[in-house]
Each structure stands twice: as C-alpha cells, then as structure tokens.
C-alpha cells in the first residue's frame, strides 16, 4: 500500500509539474507516436539489422513480409507523407511544437518529419526561429539549413550533410562515391561548428556518416554538381 501511495503521489506531482510548465500532454503523445513511426520504419533499412530484428519490427508495424518485399522504401515514403500532413496541421494550430509546449525530447519530433520531407523551404524560417528561441537545439536548425542549401545546389554552412552519387569513372564504368557536401567556409568550419554547439569536428562527423575508415576530403561545388548531374543521367 505504501508503494502504491508513493506511485500515485509521484504521478500526481509529475502531472501538476507538466501542467505548470504548459505541457500539452495530448499533443506530446501524438508527436511521440509520429516520431516513433518515423524512426521505426527507417530501422528496417539499417545496414546492420538482423533478419530476426527486421521480422520483429515488421510485426510491430503490422506489415506483411510479402508487402515489405514488394514496396520496400515506398513504405517509408507513405508514412512520411502521412506524418507530414499531421505536422502541417499541428504547426498551423500551435506554431512549432517546441520545448515549452511538449517538452524534451518530443520537441524534436516535428523537426525530424520536416527534415525528411520536401517542405524544408517552407518551414526553415520557423525552425530557425525555434532554434533561436531555444525551443529546439540550434544544431537542429543548422542541420536543416545545410540540407536546404545542399538540395538547392548551394554550399552548406556547418558541414552537417553528406552525399552519395553514382558517376562514370575514367574507365567508363559506373562507380559510386560518398562525400561531404561542399562547405562555404571550409577553413573555419570546425570553429563555427563548436560555436554552434556541435560536439565533433567535420572530420569526425564524416566518419560518423560514412564509417571509421572514411577520410574527409573537401569537394568543390562545381565537382559536386557535376557528380549530381552525372547521377541523374545514370538513373
């Protein structure tokens, strides 16, 4: 009985604290579920996932293995589209659902969905403002700005985005290369990253993205765009 009373008391105090902080619990639950789906679907395509774990996730998501084999990445595209519709409505009603509204780490949920969408250009100003107001970590706003610049064929600022492109090598054969998308001020990027709040250098970030054996080499924008053009022709 003593433990039950203690549990009830802790739950009550937690609830009161959430209310005092202005946390919207219903919205928080909705965003937590959106993020769970966003991340869980992507886990199906992890390079190191075991067959047993994949089957477990498919069961969790109520996806038939035959449907998975037929649709593959289209499943992720479909859930991203559904999630983005929900985020559109949430932001239309509340503005960006940041730390003061849904707490942490739920304040990252909408960011993930937008980062995986084709609506970055629409929401980037809102994301940058949320970063400045500390509703989300400013590093997230920096990552989204970098992705927007990369997608627009421009140099990124913080060195957060990598790319992988097919190209025709000197032997006339199809090849593939991973690289960090060109950086506007590559010489001072590590200083900027530290000031912005990133914990690792551009060299360390490159290894995190492409593996411990990857060696970071700066690419010019001209070279990157040439690779992108070649890749589109190959496809």
Protein backbone atom coordinates (compact mmCIF):
# COMPACT_ATOMS: atom_id res chain seq x y z
CA UNK A 1 0.00 0.00 0.00
CA UNK A 2 2.89 2.29 0.86
CA UNK A 3 4.39 1.83 -2.62
CA UNK A 4 1.02 2.47 -4.27
CA UNK A 5 0.60 5.72 -2.37
CA UNK A 6 4.14 6.74 -3.33
CA UNK A 7 3.49 5.95 -7.01
CA UNK A 8 0.22 7.92 -7.02
CA UNK A 9 1.95 10.85 -5.35
CA UNK A 10 4.82 10.85 -7.85
CA UNK A 11 2.39 10.59 -10.77
CA UNK A 12 0.30 13.45 -9.37
CA UNK A 13 3.32 15.70 -8.85
CA UNK A 14 4.57 14.90 -12.35
CA UNK A 15 1.16 15.77 -13.78
CA UNK A 16 0.99 19.04 -11.84
CA UNK A 17 4.53 19.93 -12.91
CA UNK A 18 3.65 19.30 -16.55
CA UNK A 19 0.59 21.48 -16.28
CA UNK A 20 2.56 24.26 -14.60
CA UNK A 21 5.09 24.14 -17.41
CA UNK A 22 2.32 24.39 -20.00
CA UNK A 23 2.97 20.94 -21.47
CA UNK A 24 0.21 19.80 -23.82
CA UNK A 25 0.07 16.11 -22.93
CA UNK A 26 -2.27 15.09 -25.76
CA UNK A 27 -0.10 16.81 -28.34
CA UNK A 28 3.00 15.31 -26.75
CA UNK A 29 1.58 11.80 -27.12
CA UNK A 30 0.65 12.45 -30.74
CA UNK A 31 4.13 13.73 -31.57
CA UNK A 32 5.83 10.87 -29.73
CA UNK A 33 3.88 8.40 -31.88
CA UNK A 34 4.72 10.32 -35.06
CA UNK A 35 8.43 10.18 -34.21
CA UNK A 36 8.22 6.50 -33.27
CA UNK A 37 6.85 5.68 -36.71
CA UNK A 38 9.34 7.96 -38.47
CA UNK A 39 12.29 6.23 -36.83
CA UNK A 40 10.95 2.65 -36.71
CA UNK A 41 10.22 2.46 -40.43
CA UNK A 42 13.76 3.63 -41.16
CA UNK A 43 15.27 0.99 -38.90
CA UNK A 44 14.09 -1.61 -41.41
CA UNK A 45 16.77 -0.34 -43.77
CA UNK A 46 19.71 -0.21 -41.36
CA UNK A 47 22.71 -1.95 -42.90
CA UNK A 48 23.44 -3.93 -39.75
CA UNK A 49 19.88 -5.06 -38.95
CA UNK A 50 19.45 -8.80 -38.44
CA UNK A 51 16.72 -10.83 -40.12
CA UNK A 52 15.23 -11.58 -36.70
CA UNK A 53 15.09 -7.89 -35.75
CA UNK A 54 13.58 -6.97 -39.11
CA UNK A 55 10.82 -9.56 -38.65
CA UNK A 56 10.20 -8.20 -35.15
CA UNK A 57 9.83 -4.64 -36.45
CA UNK A 58 7.56 -5.72 -39.30
CA UNK A 59 5.33 -7.44 -36.77
CA UNK A 60 5.36 -4.33 -34.56
CA UNK A 61 4.29 -2.21 -37.54
CA UNK A 62 1.75 -4.80 -38.69
CA UNK A 63 3.44 -5.11 -42.09
CA UNK A 64 3.29 -8.37 -44.00
CA UNK A 65 6.74 -9.56 -45.10
CA UNK A 66 5.49 -10.00 -48.67
CA UNK A 67 4.24 -6.41 -48.72
CA UNK A 68 7.64 -5.26 -47.44
CA UNK A 69 9.49 -7.10 -50.20
CA UNK A 70 7.20 -5.56 -52.83
CA UNK A 71 7.08 -1.98 -51.56
CA UNK A 72 10.44 -1.54 -49.79
CA UNK A 73 11.30 2.18 -49.38
CA UNK A 74 7.83 3.18 -50.62
CA UNK A 75 6.59 2.23 -47.16
CA UNK A 76 8.80 4.96 -45.68
CA UNK A 77 7.62 7.45 -48.30
CA UNK A 78 4.00 6.68 -47.44
CA UNK A 79 4.45 7.10 -43.68
CA UNK A 80 6.47 10.29 -44.24
CA UNK A 81 3.61 11.73 -46.29
CA UNK A 82 1.08 10.85 -43.61
CA UNK A 83 3.28 12.27 -40.84
CA UNK A 84 3.87 15.49 -42.77
CA UNK A 85 0.13 16.07 -43.12
CA UNK A 86 -0.18 15.78 -39.34
CA UNK A 87 2.73 18.16 -38.74
CA UNK A 88 1.24 20.68 -41.18
CA UNK A 89 -1.95 20.76 -39.09
CA UNK A 90 -0.09 20.92 -35.78
CA UNK A 91 2.10 23.86 -36.82
CA UNK A 92 -0.92 25.62 -38.35
CA UNK A 93 -2.65 25.38 -34.97
CA UNK A 94 0.18 25.78 -32.46
CA UNK A 95 3.20 27.09 -34.31
CA UNK A 96 6.32 24.97 -33.91
CA UNK A 97 5.70 22.43 -31.08
CA UNK A 98 8.83 23.17 -29.09
CA UNK A 99 10.17 22.51 -25.62
CA UNK A 100 7.77 24.83 -23.79
CA UNK A 101 4.74 23.13 -25.38
CA UNK A 102 5.65 19.42 -25.48
CA UNK A 103 8.90 19.13 -23.51
CA UNK A 104 12.06 17.25 -24.44
CA UNK A 105 12.82 15.17 -26.46
CA UNK A 106 9.34 15.45 -28.04
CA UNK A 107 10.30 18.92 -29.28
CA UNK A 108 12.42 17.19 -31.94
CA UNK A 109 9.53 15.21 -33.45
CA UNK A 110 8.28 17.81 -35.94
CA UNK A 111 11.87 18.61 -36.92
CA UNK A 112 12.54 15.00 -37.96
CA UNK A 113 9.42 14.84 -40.10
CA UNK A 114 10.19 18.14 -41.84
CA UNK A 115 13.84 17.14 -42.33
CA UNK A 116 12.64 14.03 -44.18
CA UNK A 117 10.17 15.97 -46.34
CA UNK A 118 10.20 18.22 -49.40
CA UNK A 119 8.88 21.13 -47.31
CA UNK A 120 12.12 22.30 -45.74
CA UNK A 121 11.99 25.56 -47.69
CA UNK A 122 8.54 26.32 -46.30
CA UNK A 123 9.38 25.61 -42.67
CA UNK A 124 13.06 26.60 -42.42
CA UNK A 125 12.30 30.13 -41.11
CA UNK A 126 10.09 28.63 -38.39
CA UNK A 127 12.75 26.07 -37.49
CA UNK A 128 15.49 28.72 -37.33
CA UNK A 129 13.33 30.86 -35.07
CA UNK A 130 12.62 27.85 -32.84
CA UNK A 131 16.38 27.33 -32.59
CA UNK A 132 17.00 30.96 -31.66
CA UNK A 133 14.25 30.78 -29.02
CA UNK A 134 15.79 27.54 -27.65
CA UNK A 135 12.60 25.61 -28.34
CA UNK A 136 14.85 23.09 -30.12
CA UNK A 137 18.65 22.75 -30.07
CA UNK A 138 20.10 25.28 -32.53
CA UNK A 139 22.20 22.47 -34.02
CA UNK A 140 18.97 21.05 -35.49
CA UNK A 141 18.21 24.36 -37.19
CA UNK A 142 21.76 24.36 -38.55
CA UNK A 143 21.33 20.85 -39.95
CA UNK A 144 18.10 21.77 -41.68
CA UNK A 145 19.62 24.91 -43.17
CA UNK A 146 22.53 22.82 -44.50
CA UNK A 147 20.14 20.32 -46.07
CA UNK A 148 18.14 23.10 -47.69
CA UNK A 149 21.30 24.61 -49.17
CA UNK A 150 22.52 21.21 -50.41
CA UNK A 151 19.16 20.43 -52.02
CA UNK A 152 19.27 23.85 -53.65
CA UNK A 153 22.68 23.16 -55.18
CA UNK A 154 24.49 25.63 -52.91
CA UNK A 155 27.36 25.31 -50.44
CA UNK A 156 26.36 24.34 -46.92
CA UNK A 157 27.46 26.27 -43.84
CA UNK A 158 28.03 23.87 -40.95
CA UNK A 159 29.19 20.72 -42.75
CA UNK A 160 26.39 18.51 -41.47
CA UNK A 161 25.29 17.00 -44.79
CA UNK A 162 26.87 14.20 -46.77
CA UNK A 163 26.01 12.90 -50.22
CA UNK A 164 26.48 9.76 -52.24
CA UNK A 165 26.41 9.81 -56.04
CA UNK A 166 26.87 7.39 -58.92
CA UNK A 167 29.24 8.51 -61.66
CA UNK A 168 31.14 7.21 -64.67
CA UNK A 169 34.80 6.72 -63.80
CA UNK A 170 37.82 7.17 -66.08
CA UNK A 171 37.47 3.58 -67.28
CA UNK A 172 33.95 4.30 -68.47
CA UNK A 173 32.38 2.17 -65.76
CA UNK A 174 29.67 3.07 -63.26
CA UNK A 175 31.09 3.91 -59.83
CA UNK A 176 29.91 5.42 -56.54
CA UNK A 177 31.37 7.96 -54.15
CA UNK A 178 30.42 9.31 -50.72
CA UNK A 179 31.46 12.84 -49.79
CA UNK A 180 30.68 15.75 -47.51
CA UNK A 181 28.69 18.30 -49.46
CA UNK A 182 30.84 21.40 -50.22
CA UNK A 183 31.17 23.93 -47.39
CA UNK A 184 31.09 27.69 -47.86
CA UNK A 185 33.88 28.49 -45.40
CA UNK A 186 35.62 25.12 -45.10
CA UNK A 187 38.73 26.60 -43.47
CA UNK A 188 36.82 27.84 -40.42
CA UNK A 189 34.02 25.27 -40.29
CA UNK A 190 35.28 23.46 -37.18
CA UNK A 191 35.38 26.74 -35.26
CA UNK A 192 31.85 27.53 -36.41
CA UNK A 193 30.65 24.03 -35.52
CA UNK A 194 32.00 24.41 -31.98
CA UNK A 195 30.41 27.85 -31.57
CA UNK A 196 27.09 26.49 -32.84
CA UNK A 197 27.06 23.61 -30.37
CA UNK A 198 28.28 20.62 -32.36
CA UNK A 199 30.45 18.27 -30.31
CA UNK A 200 32.53 16.86 -33.16
CA UNK A 201 34.71 18.18 -35.96
CA UNK A 202 33.91 17.95 -39.67
CA UNK A 203 36.40 15.07 -39.93
CA UNK A 204 34.72 13.18 -37.07
CA UNK A 205 31.28 13.89 -38.46
CA UNK A 206 32.33 12.45 -41.83
CA UNK A 207 33.41 9.20 -40.14
CA UNK A 208 30.11 9.07 -38.23
CA UNK A 209 28.26 9.27 -41.54
CA UNK A 210 30.38 7.08 -43.78
CA UNK A 211 32.36 4.81 -41.48
CA UNK A 212 35.53 4.93 -39.40
CA UNK A 213 37.78 4.37 -42.43
CA UNK A 214 36.36 7.33 -44.35
CA UNK A 215 38.83 10.17 -44.93
CA UNK A 216 37.34 13.63 -45.31
CA UNK A 217 38.39 15.49 -48.46
CA UNK A 218 36.82 18.84 -49.40
CA UNK A 219 34.81 18.87 -52.62
CA UNK A 220 34.28 21.96 -54.76
CA UNK A 221 30.70 22.91 -55.56
CA UNK A 222 31.48 22.55 -59.26
CA UNK A 223 32.61 18.94 -58.74
CA UNK A 224 29.63 18.09 -56.54
CA UNK A 225 27.12 19.48 -59.04
CA UNK A 226 28.86 17.62 -61.86
CA UNK A 227 28.50 14.37 -59.91
CA UNK A 228 24.84 15.14 -59.23
CA UNK A 229 24.23 15.74 -62.93
CA UNK A 230 26.00 12.52 -63.88
CA UNK A 231 23.96 10.59 -61.33
CA UNK A 232 20.68 11.94 -62.71
CA UNK A 233 21.73 10.88 -66.22
CA UNK A 234 22.62 7.37 -65.00
CA UNK A 235 19.28 7.00 -63.26
